[in-house]
PDB file of N, CA and C in Angstrom:
ATOM      1  N   MET A   1      -2.434 -37.456   6.074  1.00  0.00           N
ATOM      2  CA  MET A   1      -2.206 -36.061   6.387  1.00  0.00           C
ATOM      3  C   MET A   1      -2.440 -35.209   5.152  1.00  0.00           C
ATOM      4  N   ALA A   2      -3.243 -34.206   5.311  1.00  0.00           N
ATOM      5  CA  ALA A   2      -3.555 -33.317   4.198  1.00  0.00           C
ATOM      6  C   ALA A   2      -2.608 -32.126   4.186  1.00  0.00           C
ATOM      7  N   ASP A   3      -2.413 -31.572   3.008  1.00  0.00           N
ATOM      8  CA  ASP A   3      -1.650 -30.333   2.885  1.00  0.00           C
ATOM      9  C   ASP A   3      -2.513 -29.176   3.355  1.00  0.00           C
ATOM     10  N   ILE A   4      -1.888 -28.237   4.052  1.00  0.00           N
ATOM     11  CA  ILE A   4      -2.579 -27.066   4.562  1.00  0.00           C
ATOM     12  C   ILE A   4      -1.910 -25.830   3.991  1.00  0.00           C
ATOM     13  N   ARG A   5      -2.694 -24.991   3.367  1.00  0.00           N
ATOM     14  CA  ARG A   5      -2.186 -23.725   2.842  1.00  0.00           C
ATOM     15  C   ARG A   5      -2.178 -22.722   3.993  1.00  0.00           C
ATOM     16  N   VAL A   6      -0.992 -22.216   4.328  1.00  0.00           N
ATOM     17  CA  VAL A   6      -0.844 -21.272   5.431  1.00  0.00           C
ATOM     18  C   VAL A   6      -0.418 -19.929   4.854  1.00  0.00           C
ATOM     19  N   ARG A   7      -1.226 -18.905   5.159  1.00  0.00           N
ATOM     20  CA  ARG A   7      -0.904 -17.553   4.699  1.00  0.00           C
ATOM     21  C   ARG A   7      -0.571 -16.696   5.912  1.00  0.00           C
ATOM     22  N   TYR A   8       0.451 -15.866   5.758  1.00  0.00           N
ATOM     23  CA  TYR A   8       0.923 -15.005   6.841  1.00  0.00           C
ATOM     24  C   TYR A   8       0.664 -13.553   6.488  1.00  0.00           C
ATOM     25  N   PHE A   9       0.253 -12.770   7.471  1.00  0.00           N
ATOM     26  CA  PHE A   9      -0.055 -11.367   7.246  1.00  0.00           C
ATOM     27  C   PHE A   9       0.764 -10.480   8.175  1.00  0.00           C
ATOM     28  N   ALA A  10       1.170  -9.326   7.662  1.00  0.00           N
ATOM     29  CA  ALA A  10       1.862  -8.283   8.423  1.00  0.00           C
ATOM     30  C   ALA A  10       3.061  -8.848   9.190  1.00  0.00           C
ATOM     31  N   SER A  11       3.092  -8.693  10.515  1.00  0.00           N
ATOM     32  CA  SER A  11       4.254  -9.126  11.292  1.00  0.00           C
ATOM     33  C   SER A  11       4.437 -10.645  11.254  1.00  0.00           C
ATOM     34  N   ALA A  12       3.391 -11.403  11.004  1.00  0.00           N
ATOM     35  CA  ALA A  12       3.529 -12.857  10.861  1.00  0.00           C
ATOM     36  C   ALA A  12       4.327 -13.172   9.595  1.00  0.00           C
ATOM     37  N   ALA A  13       4.089 -12.427   8.515  1.00  0.00           N
ATOM     38  CA  ALA A  13       4.846 -12.611   7.274  1.00  0.00           C
ATOM     39  C   ALA A  13       6.306 -12.210   7.478  1.00  0.00           C
ATOM     40  N   GLU A  14       6.522 -11.161   8.237  1.00  0.00           N
ATOM     41  CA  GLU A  14       7.898 -10.748   8.541  1.00  0.00           C
ATOM     42  C   GLU A  14       8.623 -11.835   9.331  1.00  0.00           C
ATOM     43  N   ALA A  15       7.949 -12.424  10.295  1.00  0.00           N
ATOM     44  CA  ALA A  15       8.561 -13.471  11.124  1.00  0.00           C
ATOM     45  C   ALA A  15       8.887 -14.720  10.300  1.00  0.00           C
ATOM     46  N   ALA A  16       7.992 -15.082   9.386  1.00  0.00           N
ATOM     47  CA  ALA A  16       8.197 -16.273   8.562  1.00  0.00           C
ATOM     48  C   ALA A  16       9.174 -16.013   7.416  1.00  0.00           C
ATOM     49  N   GLY A  17       9.209 -14.781   6.937  1.00  0.00           N
ATOM     50  CA  GLY A  17      10.078 -14.454   5.811  1.00  0.00           C
ATOM     51  C   GLY A  17       9.391 -14.551   4.460  1.00  0.00           C
ATOM     52  N   PHE A  18       8.112 -14.863   4.459  1.00  0.00           N
ATOM     53  CA  PHE A  18       7.321 -14.930   3.229  1.00  0.00           C
ATOM     54  C   PHE A  18       5.847 -14.889   3.587  1.00  0.00           C
ATOM     55  N   GLU A  19       4.986 -14.826   2.583  1.00  0.00           N
ATOM     56  CA  GLU A  19       3.565 -14.645   2.829  1.00  0.00           C
ATOM     57  C   GLU A  19       2.734 -15.920   2.775  1.00  0.00           C
ATOM     58  N   GLU A  20       3.289 -16.999   2.254  1.00  0.00           N
ATOM     59  CA  GLU A  20       2.484 -18.209   2.105  1.00  0.00           C
ATOM     60  C   GLU A  20       3.373 -19.431   1.970  1.00  0.00           C
ATOM     61  N   GLU A  21       2.882 -20.552   2.489  1.00  0.00           N
ATOM     62  CA  GLU A  21       3.554 -21.833   2.304  1.00  0.00           C
ATOM     63  C   GLU A  21       2.533 -22.949   2.457  1.00  0.00           C
ATOM     64  N   THR A  22       2.901 -24.141   2.038  1.00  0.00           N
ATOM     65  CA  THR A  22       2.062 -25.316   2.212  1.00  0.00           C
ATOM     66  C   THR A  22       2.756 -26.245   3.194  1.00  0.00           C
ATOM     67  N   LEU A  23       2.028 -26.661   4.225  1.00  0.00           N
ATOM     68  CA  LEU A  23       2.574 -27.534   5.254  1.00  0.00           C
ATOM     69  C   LEU A  23       1.820 -28.851   5.282  1.00  0.00           C
ATOM     70  N   THR A  24       2.517 -29.902   5.646  1.00  0.00           N
ATOM     71  CA  THR A  24       1.917 -31.213   5.859  1.00  0.00           C
ATOM     72  C   THR A  24       2.281 -31.649   7.265  1.00  0.00           C
ATOM     73  N   GLY A  25       1.336 -32.098   8.018  1.00  0.00           N
ATOM     74  CA  GLY A  25       1.654 -32.618   9.342  1.00  0.00           C
ATOM     75  C   GLY A  25       0.742 -32.158  10.446  1.00  0.00           C
ATOM     76  N   PRO A  26       0.706 -30.848  10.736  1.00  0.00           N
ATOM     77  CA  PRO A  26      -0.131 -30.443  11.869  1.00  0.00           C
ATOM     78  C   PRO A  26      -1.607 -30.673  11.574  1.00  0.00           C
ATOM     79  N   SER A  27      -2.351 -31.090  12.620  1.00  0.00           N
ATOM     80  CA  SER A  27      -3.780 -31.321  12.415  1.00  0.00           C
ATOM     81  C   SER A  27      -4.642 -30.444  13.310  1.00  0.00           C
ATOM     82  N   THR A  28      -4.010 -29.724  14.253  1.00  0.00           N
ATOM     83  CA  THR A  28      -4.757 -28.821  15.130  1.00  0.00           C
ATOM     84  C   THR A  28      -4.053 -27.464  15.184  1.00  0.00           C
ATOM     85  N   VAL A  29      -4.761 -26.473  15.666  1.00  0.00           N
ATOM     86  CA  VAL A  29      -4.181 -25.139  15.839  1.00  0.00           C
ATOM     87  C   VAL A  29      -2.961 -25.216  16.764  1.00  0.00           C
ATOM     88  N   GLY A  30      -3.043 -25.984  17.831  1.00  0.00           N
ATOM     89  CA  GLY A  30      -1.924 -26.116  18.763  1.00  0.00           C
ATOM     90  C   GLY A  30      -0.687 -26.719  18.113  1.00  0.00           C
ATOM     91  N   GLU A  31      -0.890 -27.753  17.294  1.00  0.00           N
ATOM     92  CA  GLU A  31       0.234 -28.369  16.584  1.00  0.00           C
ATOM     93  C   GLU A  31       0.845 -27.389  15.592  1.00  0.00           C
ATOM     94  N   LEU A  32      -0.003 -26.623  14.908  1.00  0.00           N
ATOM     95  CA  LEU A  32       0.503 -25.627  13.966  1.00  0.00           C
ATOM     96  C   LEU A  32       1.267 -24.542  14.707  1.00  0.00           C
ATOM     97  N   ARG A  33       0.727 -24.067  15.818  1.00  0.00           N
ATOM     98  CA  ARG A  33       1.401 -23.042  16.622  1.00  0.00           C
ATOM     99  C   ARG A  33       2.803 -23.518  17.017  1.00  0.00           C
ATOM    100  N   ALA A  34       2.901 -24.747  17.538  1.00  0.00           N
ATOM    101  CA  ALA A  34       4.187 -25.299  17.970  1.00  0.00           C
ATOM    102  C   ALA A  34       5.164 -25.413  16.801  1.00  0.00           C
ATOM    103  N   LEU A  35       4.672 -25.869  15.660  1.00  0.00           N
ATOM    104  CA  LEU A  35       5.527 -26.008  14.478  1.00  0.00           C
ATOM    105  C   LEU A  35       6.054 -24.649  14.015  1.00  0.00           C
ATOM    106  N   LEU A  36       5.186 -23.643  13.987  1.00  0.00           N
ATOM    107  CA  LEU A  36       5.612 -22.319  13.531  1.00  0.00           C
ATOM    108  C   LEU A  36       6.632 -21.701  14.475  1.00  0.00           C
ATOM    109  N   ILE A  37       6.450 -21.886  15.765  1.00  0.00           N
ATOM    110  CA  ILE A  37       7.421 -21.355  16.731  1.00  0.00           C
ATOM    111  C   ILE A  37       8.753 -22.092  16.593  1.00  0.00           C
ATOM    112  N   GLU A  38       8.685 -23.404  16.390  1.00  0.00           N
ATOM    113  CA  GLU A  38       9.914 -24.186  16.193  1.00  0.00           C
ATOM    114  C   GLU A  38      10.662 -23.719  14.940  1.00  0.00           C
ATOM    115  N   ARG A  39       9.937 -23.485  13.860  1.00  0.00           N
ATOM    116  CA  ARG A  39      10.565 -23.081  12.591  1.00  0.00           C
ATOM    117  C   ARG A  39      11.055 -21.642  12.590  1.00  0.00           C
ATOM    118  N   TYR A  40      10.265 -20.724  13.152  1.00  0.00           N
ATOM    119  CA  TYR A  40      10.531 -19.300  12.960  1.00  0.00           C
ATOM    120  C   TYR A  40      10.912 -18.565  14.237  1.00  0.00           C
ATOM    121  N   GLY A  41      10.981 -19.281  15.359  1.00  0.00           N
ATOM    122  CA  GLY A  41      11.568 -18.757  16.576  1.00  0.00           C
ATOM    123  C   GLY A  41      10.792 -17.679  17.309  1.00  0.00           C
ATOM    124  N   ALA A  42      11.563 -16.872  18.036  1.00  0.00           N
ATOM    125  CA  ALA A  42      11.001 -15.886  18.966  1.00  0.00           C
ATOM    126  C   ALA A  42      10.108 -14.857  18.279  1.00  0.00           C
ATOM    127  N   ALA A  43      10.465 -14.450  17.069  1.00  0.00           N
ATOM    128  CA  ALA A  43       9.650 -13.446  16.363  1.00  0.00           C
ATOM    129  C   ALA A  43       8.233 -13.979  16.124  1.00  0.00           C
ATOM    130  N   MET A  44       8.125 -15.236  15.707  1.00  0.00           N
ATOM    131  CA  MET A  44       6.806 -15.824  15.480  1.00  0.00           C
ATOM    132  C   MET A  44       6.102 -16.060  16.810  1.00  0.00           C
ATOM    133  N   ALA A  45       6.835 -16.454  17.838  1.00  0.00           N
ATOM    134  CA  ALA A  45       6.226 -16.665  19.158  1.00  0.00           C
ATOM    135  C   ALA A  45       5.579 -15.379  19.651  1.00  0.00           C
ATOM    136  N   ARG A  46       6.223 -14.232  19.430  1.00  0.00           N
ATOM    137  CA  ARG A  46       5.647 -12.944  19.846  1.00  0.00           C
ATOM    138  C   ARG A  46       4.353 -12.651  19.078  1.00  0.00           C
ATOM    139  N   VAL A  47       4.344 -12.923  17.791  1.00  0.00           N
ATOM    140  CA  VAL A  47       3.139 -12.698  16.977  1.00  0.00           C
ATOM    141  C   VAL A  47       2.000 -13.586  17.470  1.00  0.00           C
ATOM    142  N   LEU A  48       2.297 -14.851  17.703  1.00  0.00           N
ATOM    143  CA  LEU A  48       1.257 -15.812  18.067  1.00  0.00           C
ATOM    144  C   LEU A  48       0.767 -15.650  19.502  1.00  0.00           C
ATOM    145  N   ALA A  49       1.549 -14.997  20.339  1.00  0.00           N
ATOM    146  CA  ALA A  49       1.143 -14.794  21.733  1.00  0.00           C
ATOM    147  C   ALA A  49      -0.149 -13.992  21.830  1.00  0.00           C
ATOM    148  N   SER A  50      -0.354 -13.065  20.905  1.00  0.00           N
ATOM    149  CA  SER A  50      -1.573 -12.259  20.953  1.00  0.00           C
ATOM    150  C   SER A  50      -2.314 -12.239  19.620  1.00  0.00           C
ATOM    151  N   GLY A  51      -1.811 -12.978  18.649  1.00  0.00           N
ATOM    152  CA  GLY A  51      -2.475 -13.059  17.358  1.00  0.00           C
ATOM    153  C   GLY A  51      -3.518 -14.172  17.355  1.00  0.00           C
ATOM    154  N   SER A  52      -4.003 -14.491  16.165  1.00  0.00           N
ATOM    155  CA  SER A  52      -5.010 -15.546  16.058  1.00  0.00           C
ATOM    156  C   SER A  52      -4.865 -16.262  14.722  1.00  0.00           C
ATOM    157  N   PHE A  53      -5.629 -17.331  14.590  1.00  0.00           N
ATOM    158  CA  PHE A  53      -5.646 -18.124  13.368  1.00  0.00           C
ATOM    159  C   PHE A  53      -7.034 -18.022  12.755  1.00  0.00           C
ATOM    160  N   LEU A  54      -7.091 -17.899  11.448  1.00  0.00           N
ATOM    161  CA  LEU A  54      -8.347 -17.922  10.714  1.00  0.00           C
ATOM    162  C   LEU A  54      -8.375 -19.269   9.991  1.00  0.00           C
ATOM    163  N   VAL A  55      -9.160 -20.206  10.496  1.00  0.00           N
ATOM    164  CA  VAL A  55      -9.206 -21.573   9.967  1.00  0.00           C
ATOM    165  C   VAL A  55     -10.411 -21.690   9.047  1.00  0.00           C
ATOM    166  N   ASP A  56     -10.137 -21.798   7.765  1.00  0.00           N
ATOM    167  CA  ASP A  56     -11.210 -21.861   6.762  1.00  0.00           C
ATOM    168  C   ASP A  56     -12.253 -20.763   6.985  1.00  0.00           C
ATOM    169  N   GLY A  57     -11.776 -19.565   7.301  1.00  0.00           N
ATOM    170  CA  GLY A  57     -12.662 -18.411   7.433  1.00  0.00           C
ATOM    171  C   GLY A  57     -13.222 -18.149   8.816  1.00  0.00           C
ATOM    172  N   VAL A  58     -12.858 -18.981   9.806  1.00  0.00           N
ATOM    173  CA  VAL A  58     -13.377 -18.817  11.165  1.00  0.00           C
ATOM    174  C   VAL A  58     -12.210 -18.542  12.118  1.00  0.00           C
ATOM    175  N   VAL A  59     -12.284 -17.438  12.855  1.00  0.00           N
ATOM    176  CA  VAL A  59     -11.223 -17.085  13.792  1.00  0.00           C
ATOM    177  C   VAL A  59     -11.171 -18.086  14.935  1.00  0.00           C
ATOM    178  N   SER A  60      -9.945 -18.513  15.278  1.00  0.00           N
ATOM    179  CA  SER A  60      -9.785 -19.462  16.377  1.00  0.00           C
ATOM    180  C   SER A  60      -8.493 -19.189  17.134  1.00  0.00           C
ATOM    181  N   ARG A  61      -8.573 -19.298  18.454  1.00  0.00           N
ATOM    182  CA  ARG A  61      -7.399 -19.304  19.327  1.00  0.00           C
ATOM    183  C   ARG A  61      -7.378 -20.602  20.137  1.00  0.00           C
ATOM    184  N   ASP A  62      -8.278 -21.503  19.806  1.00  0.00           N
ATOM    185  CA  ASP A  62      -8.432 -22.783  20.512  1.00  0.00           C
ATOM    186  C   ASP A  62      -7.423 -23.793  19.962  1.00  0.00           C
ATOM    187  N   ASP A  63      -6.458 -24.196  20.791  1.00  0.00           N
ATOM    188  CA  ASP A  63      -5.414 -25.115  20.344  1.00  0.00           C
ATOM    189  C   ASP A  63      -5.947 -26.474  19.908  1.00  0.00           C
ATOM    190  N   SER A  64      -7.140 -26.854  20.348  1.00  0.00           N
ATOM    191  CA  SER A  64      -7.693 -28.153  19.965  1.00  0.00           C
ATOM    192  C   SER A  64      -8.483 -28.106  18.654  1.00  0.00           C
ATOM    193  N   ARG A  65      -8.673 -26.921  18.108  1.00  0.00           N
ATOM    194  CA  ARG A  65      -9.434 -26.764  16.852  1.00  0.00           C
ATOM    195  C   ARG A  65      -8.734 -27.517  15.719  1.00  0.00           C
ATOM    196  N   THR A  66      -9.482 -28.337  15.003  1.00  0.00           N
ATOM    197  CA  THR A  66      -8.954 -29.073  13.862  1.00  0.00           C
ATOM    198  C   THR A  66      -8.734 -28.120  12.692  1.00  0.00           C
ATOM    199  N   LEU A  67      -7.607 -28.287  12.023  1.00  0.00           N
ATOM    200  CA  LEU A  67      -7.299 -27.438  10.874  1.00  0.00           C
ATOM    201  C   LEU A  67      -8.085 -27.880   9.652  1.00  0.00           C
ATOM    202  N   GLY A  68      -8.295 -26.946   8.762  1.00  0.00           N
ATOM    203  CA  GLY A  68      -8.948 -27.231   7.491  1.00  0.00           C
ATOM    204  C   GLY A  68      -7.920 -27.196   6.375  1.00  0.00           C
ATOM    205  N   LEU A  69      -8.345 -26.723   5.230  1.00  0.00           N
ATOM    206  CA  LEU A  69      -7.459 -26.659   4.071  1.00  0.00           C
ATOM    207  C   LEU A  69      -6.650 -25.370   4.023  1.00  0.00           C
ATOM    208  N   ARG A  70      -7.145 -24.330   4.701  1.00  0.00           N
ATOM    209  CA  ARG A  70      -6.465 -23.031   4.675  1.00  0.00           C
ATOM    210  C   ARG A  70      -6.461 -22.423   6.057  1.00  0.00           C
ATOM    211  N   VAL A  71      -5.305 -21.880   6.438  1.00  0.00           N
ATOM    212  CA  VAL A  71      -5.166 -21.187   7.713  1.00  0.00           C
ATOM    213  C   VAL A  71      -4.442 -19.872   7.466  1.00  0.00           C
ATOM    214  N   ASP A  72      -5.027 -18.802   7.939  1.00  0.00           N
ATOM    215  CA  ASP A  72      -4.369 -17.492   7.894  1.00  0.00           C
ATOM    216  C   ASP A  72      -3.838 -17.187   9.286  1.00  0.00           C
ATOM    217  N   VAL A  73      -2.575 -16.774   9.347  1.00  0.00           N
ATOM    218  CA  VAL A  73      -1.953 -16.421  10.615  1.00  0.00           C
ATOM    219  C   VAL A  73      -2.047 -14.906  10.725  1.00  0.00           C
ATOM    220  N   LEU A  74      -2.824 -14.452  11.709  1.00  0.00           N
ATOM    221  CA  LEU A  74      -3.129 -13.026  11.854  1.00  0.00           C
ATOM    222  C   LEU A  74      -2.461 -12.451  13.092  1.00  0.00           C
ATOM    223  N   PRO A  75      -1.679 -11.392  12.913  1.00  0.00           N
ATOM    224  CA  PRO A  75      -1.113 -10.731  14.077  1.00  0.00           C
ATOM    225  C   PRO A  75      -2.203  -9.941  14.795  1.00  0.00           C
ATOM    226  N   PRO A  76      -1.905  -9.449  15.993  1.00  0.00           N
ATOM    227  CA  PRO A  76      -2.911  -8.589  16.640  1.00  0.00           C
ATOM    228  C   PRO A  76      -3.080  -7.319  15.819  1.00  0.00           C
ATOM    229  N   PHE A  77      -4.308  -6.851  15.735  1.00  0.00           N
ATOM    230  CA  PHE A  77      -4.600  -5.639  14.979  1.00  0.00           C
ATOM    231  C   PHE A  77      -4.986  -4.533  15.935  1.00  0.00           C
ATOM    232  N   ALA A  78      -4.577  -3.336  15.620  1.00  0.00           N
ATOM    233  CA  ALA A  78      -4.931  -2.175  16.439  1.00  0.00           C
ATOM    234  C   ALA A  78      -5.893  -1.293  15.654  1.00  0.00           C
ATOM    235  N   GLY A  79      -6.561  -0.438  16.340  1.00  0.00           N
ATOM    236  CA  GLY A  79      -7.458   0.503  15.662  1.00  0.00           C
ATOM    237  C   GLY A  79      -8.896   0.031  15.672  1.00  0.00           C
ATOM    238  N   GLY A  80      -9.724   0.746  14.951  1.00  0.00           N
ATOM    239  CA  GLY A  80     -11.120   0.377  14.980  1.00  0.00           C
ATOM    240  C   GLY A  80     -11.820   0.747  13.789  1.00  0.00           C
TER     241      GLY A  80
END
């Protein structure tokens, strides 16, 4: 299992309580989603319901997507 650098932005950072951490264990977006909801509860679940993951620079909402070395947790963005 590789370490994954997870960065949180805006409301995702508020839900987690910090902007970055290193996790070991999850290997897919779905596993990471489940772990984050388990750790950070309803606030993170709300962010992830309409947010997305940036996996090594590529946006993904696919739970089967394999994680890389870095994942950014992005809340939904408004505006244009």
